[in-house]
Structure formats: C-alpha cells, structure tokens
Protein backbone atom coordinates (compact mmCIF):
# COMPACT_ATOMS: atom_id res chain seq x y z
CA MET A 1 128.40 7.18 -138.44
CA MET A 2 124.99 5.69 -137.77
CA VAL A 3 123.33 2.74 -139.49
CA HIS A 4 119.55 2.37 -139.09
CA PHE A 5 118.25 -1.11 -139.91
CA ASP A 6 115.20 -3.32 -139.46
CA TYR A 7 115.54 -6.41 -137.31
CA TYR A 8 113.56 -9.14 -135.64
CA PRO A 9 114.35 -10.40 -132.14
CA LYS A 10 115.45 -13.74 -133.63
CA ASP A 11 118.26 -11.86 -135.45
CA ARG A 12 120.06 -10.70 -132.32
CA ALA A 13 122.67 -13.47 -132.36
CA ARG A 14 123.52 -12.69 -135.99
CA ILE A 15 123.71 -8.99 -135.18
CA ARG A 16 126.22 -9.77 -132.41
CA VAL A 17 128.38 -11.67 -134.92
CA LEU A 18 128.21 -8.67 -137.26
CA GLU A 19 129.19 -6.34 -134.40
CA HIS A 20 132.27 -8.46 -133.64
CA GLN A 21 133.31 -8.41 -137.32
CA LEU A 22 132.90 -4.64 -137.46
CA GLU A 23 134.73 -4.10 -134.19
CA ARG A 24 137.73 -6.19 -135.25
CA SER A 25 137.99 -4.65 -138.72
CA ILE A 26 137.56 -1.04 -137.56
CA LYS A 27 140.15 -1.51 -134.81
CA ARG A 28 142.60 -3.32 -137.11
CA ALA A 29 142.33 -0.53 -139.72
CA GLY A 30 142.74 2.17 -137.06
CA VAL A 31 139.79 4.20 -138.39
CA GLY A 32 137.71 4.48 -135.22
CA GLU A 33 135.58 2.34 -132.96
CA LEU A 34 132.24 0.61 -132.79
CA GLY A 35 129.84 2.17 -130.30
CA GLU A 36 126.81 0.65 -128.61
CA THR A 37 124.07 -0.91 -130.71
CA GLU A 38 120.58 0.34 -129.93
CA PHE A 39 117.43 -1.75 -130.26
CA HIS A 40 114.04 -0.07 -129.88
CA LEU A 41 111.84 -2.20 -127.67
CA ASP A 42 108.60 -0.90 -129.18
CA GLY A 43 109.49 -1.86 -132.75
CA ASN A 44 112.00 -3.44 -135.06
CA ASP A 45 114.36 -0.48 -135.38
CA GLY A 46 118.04 -1.07 -134.74
CA TYR A 47 120.95 1.37 -134.81
CA LEU A 48 124.67 0.68 -135.11
CA TYR A 49 126.93 3.55 -134.06
CA MET A 50 130.53 3.88 -135.22
CA TYR A 51 132.89 6.72 -134.35
CA GLY A 52 136.04 7.96 -136.03
CA PRO A 53 137.70 11.15 -137.24
CA ASP A 54 137.00 10.47 -140.94
CA PRO A 55 133.54 9.08 -141.82
CA ASP A 56 134.63 8.19 -145.36
CA ARG A 57 137.53 6.05 -144.15
CA LEU A 58 135.27 4.50 -141.50
CA TYR A 59 132.66 3.62 -144.11
CA GLY A 60 135.41 2.33 -146.40
CA VAL A 61 136.16 -0.34 -143.77
CA ALA A 62 132.66 -0.95 -142.41
CA GLY A 63 130.72 -0.65 -145.68
CA PRO A 64 131.79 -3.94 -147.28
CA ILE A 65 131.06 -5.83 -144.05
CA LEU A 66 127.64 -4.22 -143.72
CA LYS A 67 126.79 -4.78 -147.39
CA SER A 68 127.67 -8.47 -147.14
CA SER A 69 125.09 -9.01 -144.40
CA LYS A 70 121.51 -9.87 -145.31
CA LEU A 71 120.50 -8.15 -142.06
CA MET A 72 121.59 -4.80 -143.48
CA THR A 73 119.55 -4.97 -146.69
CA ASP A 74 118.18 -1.47 -147.33
CA ALA A 75 119.74 -0.06 -144.16
CA GLU A 76 120.07 3.71 -143.96
CA VAL A 77 123.56 5.09 -143.36
CA THR A 78 124.21 8.57 -141.98
CA LYS A 79 127.76 9.91 -142.09
CA HIS A 80 128.47 12.94 -139.90
CA TYR A 81 130.92 15.61 -141.06
CA GLY A 82 130.84 18.06 -138.18
CA SER A 83 127.54 19.90 -138.56
CA ARG A 84 126.85 18.42 -142.03
CA THR A 85 125.43 14.94 -142.62
CA GLU A 86 125.10 12.64 -145.62
CA THR A 87 122.37 9.98 -145.56
CA PHE A 88 121.88 7.21 -148.10
CA MET A 89 120.36 3.75 -148.47
CA MET A 90 122.77 0.85 -148.48
CA HIS A 91 122.07 -2.03 -150.81
CA ARG A 92 123.47 -5.47 -150.25
CA ASP A 93 126.23 -6.75 -152.57
CA GLY A 94 126.58 -10.30 -151.36
CA ILE A 95 124.62 -12.92 -149.48
CA ARG A 96 125.25 -14.01 -145.93
C-alpha cells in the first residue's frame, strides 16, 4: 500500500511520530510492515509505503491512524492487489 501526501520540511518530526504509530500498530496487528518513507527533495511530495499480504486488512489498521493525522488530509491511497490497484482520496476524520 502506498500513501502519497503533501508535506513541508517543518513537518518531518510529526511525520516520524506518525511512522512510529503506524509501525507499532501494524506489527501488533500482524498485518504487515511499514516500509521506508520517501520525501522528494524537489517538492513537497511524500510517500509512505506499507507491505502486507492483504491490503484491506492493512488499511483497516493503518487507515484510522492516517485519517486522524492532519498531515494526511487529502492524501491519496493506493492499495495493490497483485496486478490490480485501487486508488482513492483519504479524508481526515479527526484532528491531530
């Protein structure tokens, strides 16, 4: 699963906190793992990568955490099902 989001360099510390929350929750639920986060140096594009055998279960764990973060407002989520993908915009439920 890939999450594409906008960020500003001042957000990096908050992104690291979000990564730790995701990593702990994904591991605890046994649905996969958090991969490397990618930041494009020539812009404000960030990408979170998460891997697991079932993208729906993975999103079931990661989705609420992502939605609760102001940093992920209007992020684009792509779930990979083998050769098929599903992409959608994520809208924030809570405020953080």
